[in-house]
Amino acid sequence: MICKNCGWKIYDKAAVCPHCGAPTENAVKKKKEKKNKRVINGYAIAGLSLGAVGILFCMEMIFFIFPLLGIIFSAIALYKSKKLGGKKLAILGLVISIIGMVVWLFVWITVLVTMITAG
């Protein structure tokens, strides 16, 4: 390859010219590849998943932990969304987790009231 800046012959895979330091086409390609990498906010996915599991298994007493953890993970995801992205997913996880917690509370308050009034 020939450097477009100084005209020296350089190695074909060089990112910069060793003579003048000018970036080559390879450097431009590497920058584009780095920009195209997508970062996934795992906290948001975990928060949404835990909230959904909490809704599905709200009839079990111990499963209150899932929507609670969903709220925690979604809040962390929302905090980290500036760097990692996934703000909408974090908000959705937060909403689903809060709904899961409310459903769990409603089910178990209803069960307790029924047990108290029945006997």
Protein backbone atom coordinates (compact mmCIF):
# COMPACT_ATOMS: atom_id res chain seq x y z
CA MET A 1 0.00 0.00 0.00
CA ILE A 2 1.15 3.55 -0.65
CA CYS A 3 0.59 6.28 1.95
CA LYS A 4 -1.76 8.91 0.57
CA ASN A 5 -0.10 11.59 2.66
CA CYS A 6 3.63 11.11 2.01
CA GLY A 7 3.79 8.52 -0.80
CA TRP A 8 5.93 5.97 1.08
CA LYS A 9 5.32 2.28 0.59
CA ILE A 10 3.86 0.80 3.80
CA TYR A 11 2.61 -2.54 5.05
CA ASP A 12 -0.88 -3.38 3.73
CA LYS A 13 -2.39 -3.92 7.19
CA ALA A 14 -0.87 -0.82 8.80
CA ALA A 15 -3.27 1.48 10.62
CA VAL A 16 -0.92 4.49 10.35
CA CYS A 17 2.04 5.34 8.15
CA PRO A 18 5.29 4.67 10.07
CA HIS A 19 6.97 7.54 8.21
CA CYS A 20 4.51 10.42 8.59
CA GLY A 21 1.94 9.03 11.07
CA ALA A 22 -1.05 9.64 8.82
CA PRO A 23 -3.98 7.25 9.34
CA THR A 24 -4.60 4.74 6.55
CA GLU A 25 -7.83 3.22 5.27
CA ASN A 26 -7.38 0.41 7.79
CA ALA A 27 -7.59 2.88 10.69
CA VAL A 28 -10.88 4.25 9.36
CA LYS A 29 -12.30 0.72 9.05
CA LYS A 30 -11.29 -0.13 12.63
CA LYS A 31 -13.01 3.00 13.98
CA LYS A 32 -16.22 2.10 12.12
CA GLU A 33 -16.10 -1.45 13.49
CA LYS A 34 -15.72 -0.17 17.05
CA LYS A 35 -18.66 2.22 16.65
CA ASN A 36 -20.90 -0.55 15.31
CA LYS A 37 -20.45 -2.73 18.40
CA ARG A 38 -23.65 -2.76 20.39
CA VAL A 39 -23.52 -2.85 24.16
CA ILE A 40 -26.36 -4.67 25.89
CA ASN A 41 -27.66 -3.52 29.25
CA GLY A 42 -27.93 -6.85 31.06
CA TYR A 43 -29.41 -5.22 34.14
CA ALA A 44 -32.43 -4.11 32.10
CA ILE A 45 -32.97 -7.60 30.70
CA ALA A 46 -32.63 -9.13 34.17
CA GLY A 47 -35.06 -6.61 35.68
CA LEU A 48 -37.68 -7.23 33.02
CA SER A 49 -37.29 -11.01 33.29
CA LEU A 50 -37.51 -11.04 37.08
CA GLY A 51 -40.58 -8.82 37.02
CA ALA A 52 -42.31 -11.11 34.53
CA VAL A 53 -41.45 -14.21 36.59
CA GLY A 54 -42.83 -12.44 39.65
CA ILE A 55 -46.16 -11.91 37.90
CA LEU A 56 -46.32 -15.48 36.66
CA PHE A 57 -45.63 -17.03 40.06
CA CYS A 58 -47.44 -14.57 42.32
CA MET A 59 -49.40 -17.37 43.98
CA GLU A 60 -46.31 -18.68 45.76
CA MET A 61 -45.43 -16.85 48.96
CA ILE A 62 -41.64 -16.85 48.52
CA PHE A 63 -41.74 -15.50 44.97
CA PHE A 64 -42.07 -11.89 46.15
CA ILE A 65 -38.29 -11.84 45.80
CA PHE A 66 -38.49 -11.88 41.99
CA PRO A 67 -40.37 -8.60 41.47
CA LEU A 68 -38.32 -7.07 44.28
CA LEU A 69 -35.09 -8.04 42.53
CA GLY A 70 -36.65 -6.88 39.26
CA ILE A 71 -37.18 -3.42 40.73
CA ILE A 72 -33.59 -3.33 41.97
CA PHE A 73 -32.06 -4.51 38.70
CA SER A 74 -34.26 -2.19 36.63
CA ALA A 75 -33.30 0.77 38.80
CA ILE A 76 -29.61 -0.06 38.32
CA ALA A 77 -30.23 -0.42 34.58
CA LEU A 78 -31.92 2.96 34.47
CA TYR A 79 -28.96 4.49 36.29
CA LYS A 80 -26.48 2.86 33.90
CA SER A 81 -28.52 3.57 30.77
CA LYS A 82 -26.49 6.70 30.01
CA LYS A 83 -23.43 4.55 29.30
CA LEU A 84 -24.99 1.25 28.26
CA GLY A 85 -28.25 2.32 26.65
CA GLY A 86 -31.47 0.40 27.13
CA LYS A 87 -33.38 3.14 28.93
CA LYS A 88 -36.76 2.06 27.53
CA LEU A 89 -36.12 -1.55 28.47
CA ALA A 90 -35.12 -0.48 31.99
CA ILE A 91 -38.31 1.56 32.38
CA LEU A 92 -40.39 -1.35 31.08
CA GLY A 93 -38.66 -3.68 33.54
CA LEU A 94 -39.37 -1.24 36.35
CA VAL A 95 -43.06 -1.02 35.42
CA ILE A 96 -43.46 -4.79 35.04
CA SER A 97 -41.65 -5.41 38.33
CA ILE A 98 -43.81 -2.90 40.19
CA ILE A 99 -46.93 -4.48 38.70
CA GLY A 100 -45.61 -7.88 39.80
CA MET A 101 -45.11 -6.64 43.34
CA VAL A 102 -48.60 -5.09 43.44
CA VAL A 103 -50.17 -8.29 42.09
CA TRP A 104 -48.27 -10.35 44.66
CA LEU A 105 -49.42 -8.03 47.48
CA PHE A 106 -53.02 -8.12 46.24
CA VAL A 107 -53.07 -11.92 46.04
CA TRP A 108 -51.62 -12.42 49.49
CA ILE A 109 -53.71 -9.74 51.18
CA THR A 110 -56.79 -11.37 49.65
CA VAL A 111 -55.64 -14.80 50.89
CA LEU A 112 -55.02 -13.47 54.42
CA VAL A 113 -58.37 -11.63 54.58
CA THR A 114 -60.15 -14.76 53.36
CA MET A 115 -58.41 -16.89 56.00
CA ILE A 116 -59.23 -14.43 58.79
CA THR A 117 -62.88 -14.04 57.84
CA ALA A 118 -63.39 -17.75 57.20
CA GLY A 119 -62.27 -18.98 60.45
